[in-house]
Amino acid sequence: MTRYSRQDVIRILHLQARQLTAWERAGLISPHDDYSFEALGQLRRLRDLQATTKISAKNIRASVDAMQRLGECETRCWRRVLCVVDRG
């Protein structure tokens, strides 16, 4: 399985290190030293969601929390939140 370092993710997705840190603080992602290809895709969608909708990390986290309170599982929550960009 291919793994990508934190620096690879920053370079590939054209992110700032502080953006990953902000997503970690908001609870959107767990801190990692390396990421899978699937995680890279999720991070891309998260980046695109914020870029196209201007929704803050805090508000995305609140949306995920609300879906969880309604009984949705973690994976389904992320799929719903992160697929918004793909539909747009």
N, C-alpha and C. Protein backbone atom coordinates (compact mmCIF):
# COMPACT_ATOMS: atom_id res chain seq x y z
N MET A 1 0.84 -1.18 0.00
CA MET A 1 0.00 0.00 0.00
C MET A 1 0.89 1.25 0.00
N THR A 2 0.57 2.17 -0.87
CA THR A 2 1.33 3.41 -0.96
C THR A 2 0.95 4.33 0.20
N ARG A 3 1.95 4.89 0.82
CA ARG A 3 1.74 5.84 1.91
C ARG A 3 2.38 7.17 1.51
N TYR A 4 1.79 8.26 1.97
CA TYR A 4 2.28 9.59 1.65
C TYR A 4 2.63 10.31 2.95
N SER A 5 3.81 10.89 3.00
CA SER A 5 4.23 11.62 4.19
C SER A 5 3.41 12.91 4.30
N ARG A 6 3.47 13.50 5.44
CA ARG A 6 2.79 14.78 5.68
C ARG A 6 3.26 15.82 4.66
N GLN A 7 4.57 15.84 4.41
CA GLN A 7 5.13 16.79 3.44
C GLN A 7 4.64 16.47 2.02
N ASP A 8 4.50 15.18 1.70
CA ASP A 8 3.96 14.80 0.39
C ASP A 8 2.53 15.34 0.23
N VAL A 9 1.72 15.17 1.26
CA VAL A 9 0.33 15.63 1.22
C VAL A 9 0.28 17.13 1.00
N ILE A 10 1.09 17.85 1.72
CA ILE A 10 1.14 19.31 1.59
C ILE A 10 1.53 19.70 0.17
N ARG A 11 2.52 19.01 -0.38
CA ARG A 11 3.00 19.32 -1.74
C ARG A 11 1.97 18.93 -2.79
N ILE A 12 1.43 17.70 -2.71
CA ILE A 12 0.50 17.20 -3.71
C ILE A 12 -0.79 18.01 -3.75
N LEU A 13 -1.31 18.34 -2.58
CA LEU A 13 -2.60 19.05 -2.50
C LEU A 13 -2.45 20.57 -2.45
N HIS A 14 -1.22 21.05 -2.51
CA HIS A 14 -0.96 22.49 -2.47
C HIS A 14 -1.58 23.12 -1.23
N LEU A 15 -1.30 22.51 -0.08
CA LEU A 15 -1.80 23.00 1.21
C LEU A 15 -0.69 23.69 1.98
N GLN A 16 -1.07 24.44 2.95
CA GLN A 16 -0.14 24.96 3.94
C GLN A 16 -0.14 23.99 5.12
N ALA A 17 0.98 23.86 5.78
CA ALA A 17 1.07 22.98 6.95
C ALA A 17 0.04 23.39 7.99
N ARG A 18 -0.20 24.68 8.11
CA ARG A 18 -1.16 25.16 9.11
C ARG A 18 -2.59 24.71 8.80
N GLN A 19 -2.88 24.42 7.50
CA GLN A 19 -4.21 23.94 7.15
C GLN A 19 -4.44 22.55 7.70
N LEU A 20 -3.47 21.66 7.55
CA LEU A 20 -3.59 20.32 8.14
C LEU A 20 -3.74 20.41 9.65
N THR A 21 -2.95 21.28 10.25
CA THR A 21 -3.02 21.46 11.70
C THR A 21 -4.39 21.97 12.13
N ALA A 22 -4.96 22.89 11.37
CA ALA A 22 -6.30 23.42 11.69
C ALA A 22 -7.35 22.32 11.58
N TRP A 23 -7.25 21.48 10.57
CA TRP A 23 -8.20 20.37 10.42
C TRP A 23 -8.05 19.39 11.57
N GLU A 24 -6.83 19.17 12.02
CA GLU A 24 -6.60 18.29 13.17
C GLU A 24 -7.22 18.89 14.43
N ARG A 25 -7.00 20.17 14.66
CA ARG A 25 -7.57 20.84 15.85
C ARG A 25 -9.08 20.81 15.83
N ALA A 26 -9.67 20.93 14.63
CA ALA A 26 -11.12 20.93 14.51
C ALA A 26 -11.70 19.51 14.61
N GLY A 27 -10.83 18.51 14.63
CA GLY A 27 -11.29 17.13 14.73
C GLY A 27 -11.75 16.54 13.41
N LEU A 28 -11.40 17.19 12.30
CA LEU A 28 -11.80 16.68 10.99
C LEU A 28 -10.90 15.55 10.53
N ILE A 29 -9.65 15.57 10.95
CA ILE A 29 -8.71 14.50 10.63
C ILE A 29 -7.90 14.19 11.86
N SER A 30 -7.38 12.99 11.92
CA SER A 30 -6.49 12.61 13.01
C SER A 30 -5.05 12.91 12.60
N PRO A 31 -4.24 13.36 13.54
CA PRO A 31 -2.83 13.62 13.20
C PRO A 31 -2.13 12.33 12.76
N HIS A 32 -1.43 12.39 11.65
CA HIS A 32 -0.70 11.25 11.13
C HIS A 32 0.66 11.71 10.61
N ASP A 33 1.61 10.78 10.62
CA ASP A 33 2.89 11.04 9.98
C ASP A 33 2.85 10.67 8.51
N ASP A 34 1.95 9.73 8.17
CA ASP A 34 1.77 9.36 6.77
C ASP A 34 0.31 9.03 6.51
N TYR A 35 -0.08 9.13 5.23
CA TYR A 35 -1.48 9.00 4.84
C TYR A 35 -1.60 7.99 3.70
N SER A 36 -2.73 7.28 3.68
CA SER A 36 -3.01 6.34 2.59
C SER A 36 -3.52 7.11 1.37
N PHE A 37 -3.63 6.40 0.25
CA PHE A 37 -4.17 7.00 -0.96
C PHE A 37 -5.62 7.44 -0.72
N GLU A 38 -6.38 6.60 -0.01
CA GLU A 38 -7.78 6.93 0.29
C GLU A 38 -7.85 8.21 1.14
N ALA A 39 -6.98 8.32 2.13
CA ALA A 39 -6.96 9.52 2.97
C ALA A 39 -6.59 10.74 2.15
N LEU A 40 -5.70 10.57 1.19
CA LEU A 40 -5.31 11.67 0.32
C LEU A 40 -6.52 12.19 -0.46
N GLY A 41 -7.35 11.25 -0.94
CA GLY A 41 -8.58 11.64 -1.65
C GLY A 41 -9.56 12.37 -0.75
N GLN A 42 -9.68 11.91 0.50
CA GLN A 42 -10.58 12.58 1.44
C GLN A 42 -10.08 13.98 1.78
N LEU A 43 -8.77 14.11 1.92
CA LEU A 43 -8.19 15.42 2.20
C LEU A 43 -8.39 16.36 1.01
N ARG A 44 -8.30 15.82 -0.19
CA ARG A 44 -8.55 16.63 -1.39
C ARG A 44 -9.99 17.15 -1.39
N ARG A 45 -10.94 16.26 -1.06
CA ARG A 45 -12.34 16.68 -1.03
C ARG A 45 -12.58 17.73 0.06
N LEU A 46 -11.94 17.54 1.19
CA LEU A 46 -12.06 18.52 2.28
C LEU A 46 -11.50 19.87 1.84
N ARG A 47 -10.35 19.84 1.20
CA ARG A 47 -9.74 21.07 0.67
C ARG A 47 -10.69 21.75 -0.31
N ASP A 48 -11.25 20.95 -1.24
CA ASP A 48 -12.14 21.51 -2.25
C ASP A 48 -13.43 22.04 -1.64
N LEU A 49 -13.94 21.35 -0.64
CA LEU A 49 -15.15 21.80 0.04
C LEU A 49 -14.94 23.16 0.65
N GLN A 50 -13.84 23.33 1.32
CA GLN A 50 -13.57 24.62 1.94
C GLN A 50 -13.30 25.69 0.89
N ALA A 51 -12.63 25.33 -0.19
CA ALA A 51 -12.29 26.31 -1.22
C ALA A 51 -13.51 26.79 -2.00
N THR A 52 -14.45 25.88 -2.27
CA THR A 52 -15.58 26.24 -3.12
C THR A 52 -16.78 26.78 -2.34
N THR A 53 -16.88 26.41 -1.07
CA THR A 53 -18.05 26.83 -0.30
C THR A 53 -17.72 27.81 0.80
N LYS A 54 -16.45 27.94 1.11
CA LYS A 54 -16.00 28.82 2.20
C LYS A 54 -16.57 28.40 3.55
N ILE A 55 -16.89 27.11 3.70
CA ILE A 55 -17.36 26.59 4.97
C ILE A 55 -16.16 26.36 5.87
N SER A 56 -16.22 26.83 7.08
CA SER A 56 -15.09 26.69 8.01
C SER A 56 -14.97 25.25 8.51
N ALA A 57 -13.77 24.91 8.94
CA ALA A 57 -13.53 23.59 9.53
C ALA A 57 -14.46 23.37 10.72
N LYS A 58 -14.66 24.40 11.50
CA LYS A 58 -15.54 24.30 12.67
C LYS A 58 -16.97 23.95 12.26
N ASN A 59 -17.47 24.57 11.19
CA ASN A 59 -18.83 24.29 10.73
C ASN A 59 -18.95 22.91 10.09
N ILE A 60 -17.91 22.47 9.40
CA ILE A 60 -17.93 21.11 8.85
C ILE A 60 -17.99 20.11 9.99
N ARG A 61 -17.18 20.33 11.02
CA ARG A 61 -17.18 19.43 12.19
C ARG A 61 -18.55 19.43 12.86
N ALA A 62 -19.18 20.60 12.96
CA ALA A 62 -20.51 20.67 13.57
C ALA A 62 -21.53 19.89 12.74
N SER A 63 -21.41 19.92 11.42
CA SER A 63 -22.31 19.17 10.55
C SER A 63 -22.14 17.67 10.75
N VAL A 64 -20.89 17.23 10.83
CA VAL A 64 -20.61 15.81 11.06
C VAL A 64 -21.17 15.39 12.42
N ASP A 65 -20.96 16.22 13.43
CA ASP A 65 -21.47 15.91 14.77
C ASP A 65 -23.00 15.79 14.76
N ALA A 66 -23.66 16.69 14.04
CA ALA A 66 -25.12 16.65 13.97
C ALA A 66 -25.59 15.37 13.30
N MET A 67 -24.92 14.96 12.23
CA MET A 67 -25.30 13.71 11.56
C MET A 67 -25.07 12.51 12.48
N GLN A 68 -24.01 12.55 13.26
CA GLN A 68 -23.75 11.46 14.20
C GLN A 68 -24.84 11.39 15.26
N ARG A 69 -25.29 12.54 15.73
CA ARG A 69 -26.36 12.55 16.73
C ARG A 69 -27.65 11.98 16.17
N LEU A 70 -27.83 12.09 14.86
CA LEU A 70 -29.01 11.53 14.21
C LEU A 70 -28.87 10.04 13.93
N GLY A 71 -27.72 9.47 14.30
CA GLY A 71 -27.55 8.03 14.18
C GLY A 71 -26.72 7.58 13.00
N GLU A 72 -26.18 8.51 12.24
CA GLU A 72 -25.33 8.12 11.11
C GLU A 72 -23.98 7.68 11.65
N CYS A 73 -23.38 6.70 11.00
CA CYS A 73 -22.05 6.25 11.44
C CYS A 73 -20.98 7.18 10.89
N GLU A 74 -19.79 7.10 11.45
CA GLU A 74 -18.68 7.98 11.09
C GLU A 74 -18.39 7.95 9.59
N THR A 75 -18.30 6.77 9.02
CA THR A 75 -17.95 6.66 7.60
C THR A 75 -19.02 7.29 6.73
N ARG A 76 -20.27 7.02 7.02
CA ARG A 76 -21.35 7.60 6.21
C ARG A 76 -21.39 9.11 6.35
N CYS A 77 -21.10 9.62 7.53
CA CYS A 77 -21.08 11.08 7.73
C CYS A 77 -20.06 11.72 6.82
N TRP A 78 -18.86 11.18 6.85
CA TRP A 78 -17.80 11.75 6.03
C TRP A 78 -18.12 11.64 4.56
N ARG A 79 -18.70 10.54 4.14
CA ARG A 79 -19.06 10.40 2.73
C ARG A 79 -20.07 11.46 2.33
N ARG A 80 -21.05 11.71 3.19
CA ARG A 80 -22.06 12.73 2.87
C ARG A 80 -21.46 14.11 2.84
N VAL A 81 -20.64 14.44 3.82
CA VAL A 81 -20.05 15.77 3.87
C VAL A 81 -19.07 15.96 2.73
N LEU A 82 -18.21 14.99 2.49
CA LEU A 82 -17.15 15.16 1.50
C LEU A 82 -17.62 14.99 0.06
N CYS A 83 -18.77 14.38 -0.17
CA CYS A 83 -19.23 14.22 -1.54
C CYS A 83 -19.93 15.47 -2.06
N VAL A 84 -20.18 16.44 -1.22
CA VAL A 84 -20.85 17.68 -1.65
C VAL A 84 -20.09 18.30 -2.80
N VAL A 85 -18.78 18.33 -2.72
CA VAL A 85 -17.97 18.94 -3.77
C VAL A 85 -18.10 18.15 -5.06
N ASP A 86 -18.12 16.83 -4.98
CA ASP A 86 -18.21 16.01 -6.18
C ASP A 86 -19.53 16.22 -6.91
N ARG A 87 -20.59 16.55 -6.19
CA ARG A 87 -21.89 16.78 -6.82
C ARG A 87 -21.99 18.18 -7.40
N GLY A 88 -21.21 19.10 -6.84
CA GLY A 88 -21.29 20.51 -7.25
C GLY A 88 -20.75 20.70 -8.59
